[in-house]
Amino acid sequence: MAPAGMAALLWGASDFGAGVLSRRLPVTTVLIWSKVLAMLLAAPFVLAGGLPPVGHRWLAVAAGLVGLPAMGLLYRAMRDGSLTVVAPVAAAAALVPVGWGLLGGQRFGLAGAVGVVVALIGITLASWPVRSRHRPAALPALSALGAAIGFGAFFVLLHEASRTEPYQATAVARVTEGIGALVLAGILHLRRGGSLPSAGPVAAMCGIGALDAAGDAAFVLAARGGPLGPVAVLASMYPAVTVLLNRSVLRERLHAVHLCGVLATLFAVACLAG
């Protein structure tokens, strides 16, 4: 399970960086640049190792097509809301592969059942609207929930695509996301034009893309060594990394009801991982 923990660490750091950067730059800019740069890192694996079998190849393409809008929703949620609230709500992605595992014959004990119930309670509390001078918490939390559904589907598709050639399948998914990002960039340029960001933000987006791609590789390695449900849940502990970085770097404070929701969601992920 060590690779799954590494995936959580890499994804958590990537999401924190993207969340901070999305408050300085347009969400689409962060999304496009990070995905294009991740594609450039993944392309050599496709060129050197070839493509996975046809069926798995199309599953990898589908994973990329799902992953791109899911990441866009996450970046939008982190721009508009608290990173400490949004990240745990996005961790509900673990429920999708858990459900897939149940359909495939996997079974969970009492801890798993408790984890599912507490996760739903935690998501509700974390997205509970409170009176504030800022935007209601429910709006970014809904975006985060949409991202969670997309990420959950991404986990399942990438796992199924990686049964024979895991790293090639991951690379195909990343290349697909990059191509989708280039298409989005072309559409936005035709609609409203735009200028290139400076070297500093581009370097930061390079790091975000690299961390995200490395997290995918670690997840695929973990999923090959164990059942999908527990691996995906353990990898979904990445919000803990985001929360810790957010607390230590940005010193962000939470409303009490949101704090309860965050703690409940993280506890639920821990129950499901056990």
C-alpha atoms as a PDB file:
ATOM      1  CA  MET A   1       0.000   0.000   0.000  1.00  0.00           C
ATOM      2  CA  ALA A   2       3.058   2.297   0.111  1.00  0.00           C
ATOM      3  CA  PRO A   3       2.564   3.464  -3.520  1.00  0.00           C
ATOM      4  CA  ALA A   4      -1.031   4.433  -2.682  1.00  0.00           C
ATOM      5  CA  GLY A   5       0.251   6.600   0.166  1.00  0.00           C
ATOM      6  CA  MET A   6       2.793   8.155  -2.200  1.00  0.00           C
ATOM      7  CA  ALA A   7      -0.030   8.913  -4.651  1.00  0.00           C
ATOM      8  CA  ALA A   8      -1.916  10.672  -1.845  1.00  0.00           C
ATOM      9  CA  LEU A   9       1.169  12.737  -0.978  1.00  0.00           C
ATOM     10  CA  LEU A  10       1.823  13.755  -4.595  1.00  0.00           C
ATOM     11  CA  TRP A  11      -1.813  14.546  -5.401  1.00  0.00           C
ATOM     12  CA  GLY A  12      -2.241  16.519  -2.174  1.00  0.00           C
ATOM     13  CA  ALA A  13       0.791  18.700  -2.914  1.00  0.00           C
ATOM     14  CA  SER A  14      -0.352  19.172  -6.523  1.00  0.00           C
ATOM     15  CA  ASP A  15      -3.864  20.225  -5.470  1.00  0.00           C
ATOM     16  CA  PHE A  16      -2.540  22.688  -2.909  1.00  0.00           C
ATOM     17  CA  GLY A  17      -0.316  24.340  -5.512  1.00  0.00           C
ATOM     18  CA  ALA A  18      -3.149  24.440  -8.049  1.00  0.00           C
ATOM     19  CA  GLY A  19      -5.554  25.880  -5.487  1.00  0.00           C
ATOM     20  CA  VAL A  20      -3.186  28.701  -4.590  1.00  0.00           C
ATOM     21  CA  LEU A  21      -2.372  29.428  -8.230  1.00  0.00           C
ATOM     22  CA  SER A  22      -6.067  29.407  -9.245  1.00  0.00           C
ATOM     23  CA  ARG A  23      -6.600  32.430  -6.999  1.00  0.00           C
ATOM     24  CA  ARG A  24      -4.001  34.410  -8.957  1.00  0.00           C
ATOM     25  CA  LEU A  25      -4.696  33.191 -12.503  1.00  0.00           C
ATOM     26  CA  PRO A  26      -7.826  32.104 -14.414  1.00  0.00           C
ATOM     27  CA  VAL A  27      -8.829  28.527 -13.657  1.00  0.00           C
ATOM     28  CA  THR A  28      -8.662  27.632 -17.349  1.00  0.00           C
ATOM     29  CA  THR A  29      -5.068  28.915 -17.556  1.00  0.00           C
ATOM     30  CA  VAL A  30      -3.938  26.716 -14.662  1.00  0.00           C
ATOM     31  CA  LEU A  31      -5.851  23.735 -16.056  1.00  0.00           C
ATOM     32  CA  ILE A  32      -4.572  24.073 -19.621  1.00  0.00           C
ATOM     33  CA  TRP A  33      -0.922  24.675 -18.802  1.00  0.00           C
ATOM     34  CA  SER A  34      -0.675  21.968 -16.152  1.00  0.00           C
ATOM     35  CA  LYS A  35      -2.319  19.381 -18.428  1.00  0.00           C
ATOM     36  CA  VAL A  36      -0.260  20.295 -21.493  1.00  0.00           C
ATOM     37  CA  LEU A  37       2.970  20.119 -19.514  1.00  0.00           C
ATOM     38  CA  ALA A  38       1.919  16.778 -17.987  1.00  0.00           C
ATOM     39  CA  MET A  39       1.226  15.556 -21.524  1.00  0.00           C
ATOM     40  CA  LEU A  40       4.766  16.479 -22.576  1.00  0.00           C
ATOM     41  CA  LEU A  41       6.104  14.391 -19.678  1.00  0.00           C
ATOM     42  CA  ALA A  42       3.882  11.434 -20.573  1.00  0.00           C
ATOM     43  CA  ALA A  43       4.374  11.455 -24.352  1.00  0.00           C
ATOM     44  CA  PRO A  44       7.862   9.802 -24.277  1.00  0.00           C
ATOM     45  CA  PHE A  45       6.353   6.773 -22.464  1.00  0.00           C
ATOM     46  CA  VAL A  46       3.862   6.340 -25.318  1.00  0.00           C
ATOM     47  CA  LEU A  47       6.541   6.791 -27.969  1.00  0.00           C
ATOM     48  CA  ALA A  48       9.002   4.437 -26.278  1.00  0.00           C
ATOM     49  CA  GLY A  49       6.639   1.737 -24.994  1.00  0.00           C
ATOM     50  CA  GLY A  50       3.883   1.820 -27.578  1.00  0.00           C
ATOM     51  CA  LEU A  51       0.156   1.711 -26.937  1.00  0.00           C
ATOM     52  CA  PRO A  52      -1.748  -0.719 -24.706  1.00  0.00           C
ATOM     53  CA  PRO A  53      -4.171  -3.203 -26.327  1.00  0.00           C
ATOM     54  CA  VAL A  54      -7.109  -1.642 -28.162  1.00  0.00           C
ATOM     55  CA  GLY A  55      -9.737  -2.194 -25.462  1.00  0.00           C
ATOM     56  CA  HIS A  56      -7.507  -0.910 -22.674  1.00  0.00           C
ATOM     57  CA  ARG A  57      -6.350   1.948 -24.881  1.00  0.00           C
ATOM     58  CA  TRP A  58      -9.878   3.274 -25.238  1.00  0.00           C
ATOM     59  CA  LEU A  59     -10.485   2.930 -21.520  1.00  0.00           C
ATOM     60  CA  ALA A  60      -7.378   5.072 -20.959  1.00  0.00           C
ATOM     61  CA  VAL A  61      -8.693   7.641 -23.434  1.00  0.00           C
ATOM     62  CA  ALA A  62     -12.027   7.654 -21.586  1.00  0.00           C
ATOM     63  CA  ALA A  63     -10.158   8.195 -18.293  1.00  0.00           C
ATOM     64  CA  GLY A  64      -8.456  11.241 -19.789  1.00  0.00           C
ATOM     65  CA  LEU A  65     -11.719  12.638 -21.128  1.00  0.00           C
ATOM     66  CA  VAL A  66     -13.301  12.305 -17.680  1.00  0.00           C
ATOM     67  CA  GLY A  67     -10.247  13.535 -15.768  1.00  0.00           C
ATOM     68  CA  LEU A  68      -9.932  16.883 -17.559  1.00  0.00           C
ATOM     69  CA  PRO A  69     -13.343  18.377 -16.632  1.00  0.00           C
ATOM     70  CA  ALA A  70     -13.113  16.820 -13.157  1.00  0.00           C
ATOM     71  CA  MET A  71      -9.859  18.667 -12.542  1.00  0.00           C
ATOM     72  CA  GLY A  72     -11.383  21.869 -13.887  1.00  0.00           C
ATOM     73  CA  LEU A  73     -14.237  21.572 -11.393  1.00  0.00           C
ATOM     74  CA  LEU A  74     -11.767  20.997  -8.569  1.00  0.00           C
ATOM     75  CA  TYR A  75      -9.668  24.039  -9.485  1.00  0.00           C
ATOM     76  CA  ARG A  76     -12.818  26.162  -9.708  1.00  0.00           C
ATOM     77  CA  ALA A  77     -13.967  24.954  -6.297  1.00  0.00           C
ATOM     78  CA  MET A  78     -10.571  25.715  -4.752  1.00  0.00           C
ATOM     79  CA  ARG A  79     -10.611  29.179  -6.294  1.00  0.00           C
ATOM     80  CA  ASP A  80     -14.043  30.042  -4.909  1.00  0.00           C
ATOM     81  CA  GLY A  81     -13.937  28.271  -1.548  1.00  0.00           C
ATOM     82  CA  SER A  82     -11.730  27.081   1.256  1.00  0.00           C
ATOM     83  CA  LEU A  83      -9.118  24.530   0.201  1.00  0.00           C
ATOM     84  CA  THR A  84      -9.619  22.865   3.569  1.00  0.00           C
ATOM     85  CA  VAL A  85     -13.316  22.290   2.824  1.00  0.00           C
ATOM     86  CA  VAL A  86     -13.060  21.518  -0.900  1.00  0.00           C
ATOM     87  CA  ALA A  87     -10.307  18.895  -0.693  1.00  0.00           C
ATOM     88  CA  PRO A  88     -12.118  16.499   1.689  1.00  0.00           C
ATOM     89  CA  VAL A  89     -15.361  16.790  -0.302  1.00  0.00           C
ATOM     90  CA  ALA A  90     -13.402  15.826  -3.423  1.00  0.00           C
ATOM     91  CA  ALA A  91     -12.134  12.795  -1.486  1.00  0.00           C
ATOM     92  CA  ALA A  92     -15.633  11.360  -1.817  1.00  0.00           C
ATOM     93  CA  ALA A  93     -14.264  10.116  -5.149  1.00  0.00           C
ATOM     94  CA  ALA A  94     -13.260   7.015  -3.195  1.00  0.00           C
ATOM     95  CA  LEU A  95     -16.933   6.010  -2.960  1.00  0.00           C
ATOM     96  CA  VAL A  96     -17.089   5.353  -6.724  1.00  0.00           C
ATOM     97  CA  PRO A  97     -14.370   2.661  -6.853  1.00  0.00           C
ATOM     98  CA  VAL A  98     -15.712   1.256  -3.587  1.00  0.00           C
ATOM     99  CA  GLY A  99     -19.084   0.834  -5.285  1.00  0.00           C
ATOM    100  CA  TRP A 100     -17.386  -0.648  -8.335  1.00  0.00           C
ATOM    101  CA  GLY A 101     -15.556  -3.101  -6.106  1.00  0.00           C
ATOM    102  CA  LEU A 102     -18.829  -4.137  -4.459  1.00  0.00           C
ATOM    103  CA  LEU A 103     -20.337  -4.806  -7.876  1.00  0.00           C
ATOM    104  CA  GLY A 104     -17.270  -6.907  -8.665  1.00  0.00           C
ATOM    105  CA  GLY A 105     -17.692  -9.071  -5.587  1.00  0.00           C
ATOM    106  CA  GLN A 106     -15.555  -7.251  -3.008  1.00  0.00           C
ATOM    107  CA  ARG A 107     -17.049  -7.001   0.471  1.00  0.00           C
ATOM    108  CA  PHE A 108     -16.513  -4.515   3.284  1.00  0.00           C
ATOM    109  CA  GLY A 109     -16.931  -5.070   6.981  1.00  0.00           C
ATOM    110  CA  LEU A 110     -18.419  -2.855   9.657  1.00  0.00           C
ATOM    111  CA  ALA A 111     -15.670  -0.236   9.321  1.00  0.00           C
ATOM    112  CA  GLY A 112     -16.397   0.123   5.602  1.00  0.00           C
ATOM    113  CA  ALA A 113     -20.127   0.551   6.181  1.00  0.00           C
ATOM    114  CA  VAL A 114     -19.457   3.161   8.869  1.00  0.00           C
ATOM    115  CA  GLY A 115     -17.052   4.906   6.498  1.00  0.00           C
ATOM    116  CA  VAL A 116     -19.699   5.277   3.782  1.00  0.00           C
ATOM    117  CA  VAL A 117     -22.279   6.736   6.184  1.00  0.00           C
ATOM    118  CA  VAL A 118     -19.802   9.106   7.833  1.00  0.00           C
ATOM    119  CA  ALA A 119     -18.533  10.225   4.409  1.00  0.00           C
ATOM    120  CA  LEU A 120     -22.039  11.307   3.401  1.00  0.00           C
ATOM    121  CA  ILE A 121     -22.480  13.141   6.708  1.00  0.00           C
ATOM    122  CA  GLY A 122     -19.079  14.785   6.347  1.00  0.00           C
ATOM    123  CA  ILE A 123     -19.771  15.994   2.811  1.00  0.00           C
ATOM    124  CA  THR A 124     -23.087  17.485   3.965  1.00  0.00           C
ATOM    125  CA  LEU A 125     -21.481  19.339   6.876  1.00  0.00           C
ATOM    126  CA  ALA A 126     -18.483  20.518   4.847  1.00  0.00           C
ATOM    127  CA  SER A 127     -20.822  22.048   2.251  1.00  0.00           C
ATOM    128  CA  TRP A 128     -23.299  23.484   4.772  1.00  0.00           C
ATOM    129  CA  PRO A 129     -24.046  27.145   3.926  1.00  0.00           C
ATOM    130  CA  VAL A 130     -23.196  29.668   6.636  1.00  0.00           C
ATOM    131  CA  ARG A 131     -23.544  33.416   6.788  1.00  0.00           C
ATOM    132  CA  SER A 132     -20.354  34.986   5.549  1.00  0.00           C
ATOM    133  CA  ARG A 133     -19.058  37.992   3.665  1.00  0.00           C
ATOM    134  CA  HIS A 134     -17.636  35.529   1.151  1.00  0.00           C
ATOM    135  CA  ARG A 135     -19.425  33.218  -1.271  1.00  0.00           C
ATOM    136  CA  PRO A 136     -21.586  30.477   0.251  1.00  0.00           C
ATOM    137  CA  ALA A 137     -19.653  27.322   0.993  1.00  0.00           C
ATOM    138  CA  ALA A 138     -22.280  25.207  -0.778  1.00  0.00           C
ATOM    139  CA  LEU A 139     -21.369  26.524  -4.240  1.00  0.00           C
ATOM    140  CA  PRO A 140     -17.698  25.466  -4.307  1.00  0.00           C
ATOM    141  CA  ALA A 141     -18.626  22.285  -2.436  1.00  0.00           C
ATOM    142  CA  LEU A 142     -21.020  21.350  -5.243  1.00  0.00           C
ATOM    143  CA  SER A 143     -18.199  21.839  -7.743  1.00  0.00           C
ATOM    144  CA  ALA A 144     -15.988  19.687  -5.520  1.00  0.00           C
ATOM    145  CA  LEU A 145     -18.684  17.001  -5.426  1.00  0.00           C
ATOM    146  CA  GLY A 146     -18.841  17.029  -9.233  1.00  0.00           C
ATOM    147  CA  ALA A 147     -15.062  16.684  -9.270  1.00  0.00           C
ATOM    148  CA  ALA A 148     -15.338  13.756  -6.853  1.00  0.00           C
ATOM    149  CA  ILE A 149     -17.700  11.892  -9.190  1.00  0.00           C
ATOM    150  CA  GLY A 150     -15.354  12.541 -12.100  1.00  0.00           C
ATOM    151  CA  PHE A 151     -12.271  11.441 -10.168  1.00  0.00           C
ATOM    152  CA  GLY A 152     -14.034   8.299  -9.008  1.00  0.00           C
ATOM    153  CA  ALA A 153     -14.822   7.384 -12.611  1.00  0.00           C
ATOM    154  CA  PHE A 154     -11.218   8.220 -13.516  1.00  0.00           C
ATOM    155  CA  PHE A 155      -9.950   5.789 -10.847  1.00  0.00           C
ATOM    156  CA  VAL A 156     -12.129   2.980 -12.185  1.00  0.00           C
ATOM    157  CA  LEU A 157     -11.343   3.587 -15.856  1.00  0.00           C
ATOM    158  CA  LEU A 158      -7.607   3.920 -15.265  1.00  0.00           C
ATOM    159  CA  HIS A 159      -7.551   0.768 -13.149  1.00  0.00           C
ATOM    160  CA  GLU A 160      -9.331  -1.233 -15.854  1.00  0.00           C
ATOM    161  CA  ALA A 161      -7.101   0.247 -18.567  1.00  0.00           C
ATOM    162  CA  SER A 162      -3.931  -0.619 -16.653  1.00  0.00           C
ATOM    163  CA  ARG A 163      -4.367  -4.370 -16.397  1.00  0.00           C
ATOM    164  CA  THR A 164      -1.743  -5.150 -19.059  1.00  0.00           C
ATOM    165  CA  GLU A 165       0.384  -2.028 -19.682  1.00  0.00           C
ATOM    166  CA  PRO A 166      -0.092   0.224 -16.644  1.00  0.00           C
ATOM    167  CA  TYR A 167       2.385   2.975 -17.430  1.00  0.00           C
ATOM    168  CA  GLN A 168       1.428   3.162 -21.088  1.00  0.00           C
ATOM    169  CA  ALA A 169      -2.239   3.386 -20.093  1.00  0.00           C
ATOM    170  CA  THR A 170      -1.474   6.195 -17.650  1.00  0.00           C
ATOM    171  CA  ALA A 171       0.518   8.003 -20.333  1.00  0.00           C
ATOM    172  CA  VAL A 172      -2.333   7.650 -22.842  1.00  0.00           C
ATOM    173  CA  ALA A 173      -4.744   9.147 -20.289  1.00  0.00           C
ATOM    174  CA  ARG A 174      -2.393  12.086 -19.727  1.00  0.00           C
ATOM    175  CA  VAL A 175      -1.880  12.649 -23.444  1.00  0.00           C
ATOM    176  CA  THR A 176      -5.656  12.624 -23.920  1.00  0.00           C
ATOM    177  CA  GLU A 177      -6.046  15.257 -21.194  1.00  0.00           C
ATOM    178  CA  GLY A 178      -3.328  17.351 -22.815  1.00  0.00           C
ATOM    179  CA  ILE A 179      -4.985  17.189 -26.227  1.00  0.00           C
ATOM    180  CA  GLY A 180      -8.289  18.146 -24.637  1.00  0.00           C
ATOM    181  CA  ALA A 181      -6.569  21.078 -22.919  1.00  0.00           C
ATOM    182  CA  LEU A 182      -5.115  22.251 -26.245  1.00  0.00           C
ATOM    183  CA  VAL A 183      -8.580  22.114 -27.827  1.00  0.00           C
ATOM    184  CA  LEU A 184      -9.958  24.136 -24.905  1.00  0.00           C
ATOM    185  CA  ALA A 185      -7.115  26.648 -25.288  1.00  0.00           C
ATOM    186  CA  GLY A 186      -7.926  27.058 -28.984  1.00  0.00           C
ATOM    187  CA  ILE A 187     -11.618  27.633 -28.280  1.00  0.00           C
ATOM    188  CA  LEU A 188     -10.882  30.201 -25.570  1.00  0.00           C
ATOM    189  CA  HIS A 189      -8.336  31.989 -27.759  1.00  0.00           C
ATOM    190  CA  LEU A 190     -10.854  32.316 -30.597  1.00  0.00           C
ATOM    191  CA  ARG A 191     -13.496  33.624 -28.206  1.00  0.00           C
ATOM    192  CA  ARG A 192     -11.533  36.137 -26.149  1.00  0.00           C
ATOM    193  CA  GLY A 193      -7.841  36.055 -27.048  1.00  0.00           C
ATOM    194  CA  GLY A 194      -5.285  36.139 -24.248  1.00  0.00           C
ATOM    195  CA  SER A 195      -1.628  36.438 -23.379  1.00  0.00           C
ATOM    196  CA  LEU A 196       0.926  33.971 -22.074  1.00  0.00           C
ATOM    197  CA  PRO A 197       1.596  33.927 -18.311  1.00  0.00           C
ATOM    198  CA  SER A 198       5.011  34.942 -17.026  1.00  0.00           C
ATOM    199  CA  ALA A 199       7.856  32.508 -16.346  1.00  0.00           C
ATOM    200  CA  GLY A 200       7.103  32.152 -12.621  1.00  0.00           C
ATOM    201  CA  PRO A 201       3.530  30.860 -12.941  1.00  0.00           C
ATOM    202  CA  VAL A 202       4.556  28.635 -15.870  1.00  0.00           C
ATOM    203  CA  ALA A 203       7.246  27.029 -13.709  1.00  0.00           C
ATOM    204  CA  ALA A 204       4.701  26.513 -10.921  1.00  0.00           C
ATOM    205  CA  MET A 205       2.259  24.896 -13.355  1.00  0.00           C
ATOM    206  CA  CYS A 206       5.089  22.633 -14.575  1.00  0.00           C
ATOM    207  CA  GLY A 207       5.484  21.438 -10.990  1.00  0.00           C
ATOM    208  CA  ILE A 208       1.729  20.911 -10.597  1.00  0.00           C
ATOM    209  CA  GLY A 209       1.576  18.845 -13.773  1.00  0.00           C
ATOM    210  CA  ALA A 210       4.622  16.786 -12.800  1.00  0.00           C
ATOM    211  CA  LEU A 211       3.271  16.026  -9.311  1.00  0.00           C
ATOM    212  CA  ASP A 212      -0.118  15.066 -10.731  1.00  0.00           C
ATOM    213  CA  ALA A 213       1.394  12.731 -13.335  1.00  0.00           C
ATOM    214  CA  ALA A 214       3.690  11.126 -10.751  1.00  0.00           C
ATOM    215  CA  GLY A 215       0.690  10.593  -8.472  1.00  0.00           C
ATOM    216  CA  ASP A 216      -1.110   8.779 -11.291  1.00  0.00           C
ATOM    217  CA  ALA A 217       1.874   6.484 -11.803  1.00  0.00           C
ATOM    218  CA  ALA A 218       2.022   5.684  -8.090  1.00  0.00           C
ATOM    219  CA  PHE A 219      -1.713   4.948  -8.043  1.00  0.00           C
ATOM    220  CA  VAL A 220      -1.448   2.557 -10.990  1.00  0.00           C
ATOM    221  CA  LEU A 221       1.457   0.760  -9.309  1.00  0.00           C
ATOM    222  CA  ALA A 222      -0.596   0.401  -6.107  1.00  0.00           C
ATOM    223  CA  ALA A 223      -3.732  -0.753  -7.939  1.00  0.00           C
ATOM    224  CA  ARG A 224      -1.800  -3.562  -9.626  1.00  0.00           C
ATOM    225  CA  GLY A 225      -0.777  -4.923  -6.237  1.00  0.00           C
ATOM    226  CA  GLY A 226      -4.172  -4.985  -4.531  1.00  0.00           C
ATOM    227  CA  PRO A 227      -7.958  -4.643  -4.890  1.00  0.00           C
ATOM    228  CA  LEU A 228      -9.139  -1.345  -6.340  1.00  0.00           C
ATOM    229  CA  GLY A 229     -11.446  -0.243  -3.498  1.00  0.00           C
ATOM    230  CA  PRO A 230      -8.956  -0.104  -0.594  1.00  0.00           C
ATOM    231  CA  VAL A 231      -6.175   1.239  -2.827  1.00  0.00           C
ATOM    232  CA  ALA A 232      -8.365   4.050  -4.179  1.00  0.00           C
ATOM    233  CA  VAL A 233      -9.545   4.939  -0.681  1.00  0.00           C
ATOM    234  CA  LEU A 234      -6.013   5.091   0.683  1.00  0.00           C
ATOM    235  CA  ALA A 235      -4.892   7.208  -2.281  1.00  0.00           C
ATOM    236  CA  SER A 236      -7.882   9.464  -1.576  1.00  0.00           C
ATOM    237  CA  MET A 237      -6.241  10.519   1.686  1.00  0.00           C
ATOM    238  CA  TYR A 238      -4.555  13.240  -0.390  1.00  0.00           C
ATOM    239  CA  PRO A 239      -6.898  15.888   1.114  1.00  0.00           C
ATOM    240  CA  ALA A 240      -5.057  15.433   4.422  1.00  0.00           C
ATOM    241  CA  VAL A 241      -1.909  16.685   2.686  1.00  0.00           C
ATOM    242  CA  THR A 242      -3.802  19.620   1.179  1.00  0.00           C
ATOM    243  CA  VAL A 243      -5.374  20.474   4.541  1.00  0.00           C
ATOM    244  CA  LEU A 244      -2.035  20.351   6.373  1.00  0.00           C
ATOM    245  CA  LEU A 245      -0.335  22.536   3.772  1.00  0.00           C
ATOM    246  CA  ASN A 246      -3.249  24.945   3.816  1.00  0.00           C
ATOM    247  CA  ARG A 247      -3.173  25.260   7.593  1.00  0.00           C
ATOM    248  CA  SER A 248       0.598  25.626   7.812  1.00  0.00           C
ATOM    249  CA  VAL A 249       1.174  27.901   4.803  1.00  0.00           C
ATOM    250  CA  LEU A 250      -2.029  29.943   4.393  1.00  0.00           C
ATOM    251  CA  ARG A 251      -3.176  29.842   8.045  1.00  0.00           C
ATOM    252  CA  GLU A 252      -6.761  29.427   6.872  1.00  0.00           C
ATOM    253  CA  ARG A 253      -9.416  29.182   9.582  1.00  0.00           C
ATOM    254  CA  LEU A 254     -12.669  27.232   9.331  1.00  0.00           C
ATOM    255  CA  HIS A 255     -16.227  27.678  10.568  1.00  0.00           C
ATOM    256  CA  ALA A 256     -17.018  25.066  13.222  1.00  0.00           C
ATOM    257  CA  VAL A 257     -19.577  23.194  11.099  1.00  0.00           C
ATOM    258  CA  HIS A 258     -17.136  22.975   8.198  1.00  0.00           C
ATOM    259  CA  LEU A 259     -14.374  21.759  10.492  1.00  0.00           C
ATOM    260  CA  CYS A 260     -16.665  18.968  11.711  1.00  0.00           C
ATOM    261  CA  GLY A 261     -17.402  18.037   8.107  1.00  0.00           C
ATOM    262  CA  VAL A 262     -13.715  17.983   7.183  1.00  0.00           C
ATOM    263  CA  LEU A 263     -12.793  15.793  10.151  1.00  0.00           C
ATOM    264  CA  ALA A 264     -15.748  13.458   9.476  1.00  0.00           C
ATOM    265  CA  THR A 265     -14.772  13.053   5.824  1.00  0.00           C
ATOM    266  CA  LEU A 266     -11.146  12.291   6.634  1.00  0.00           C
ATOM    267  CA  PHE A 267     -12.271   9.821   9.318  1.00  0.00           C
ATOM    268  CA  ALA A 268     -14.540   8.135   6.768  1.00  0.00           C
ATOM    269  CA  VAL A 269     -11.682   7.721   4.291  1.00  0.00           C
ATOM    270  CA  ALA A 270      -9.574   6.193   7.080  1.00  0.00           C
ATOM    271  CA  CYS A 271     -12.403   3.747   7.915  1.00  0.00           C
ATOM    272  CA  LEU A 272     -12.732   2.706   4.294  1.00  0.00           C
ATOM    273  CA  ALA A 273      -8.975   2.248   3.982  1.00  0.00           C
ATOM    274  CA  GLY A 274      -9.010  -0.046   7.022  1.00  0.00           C
END
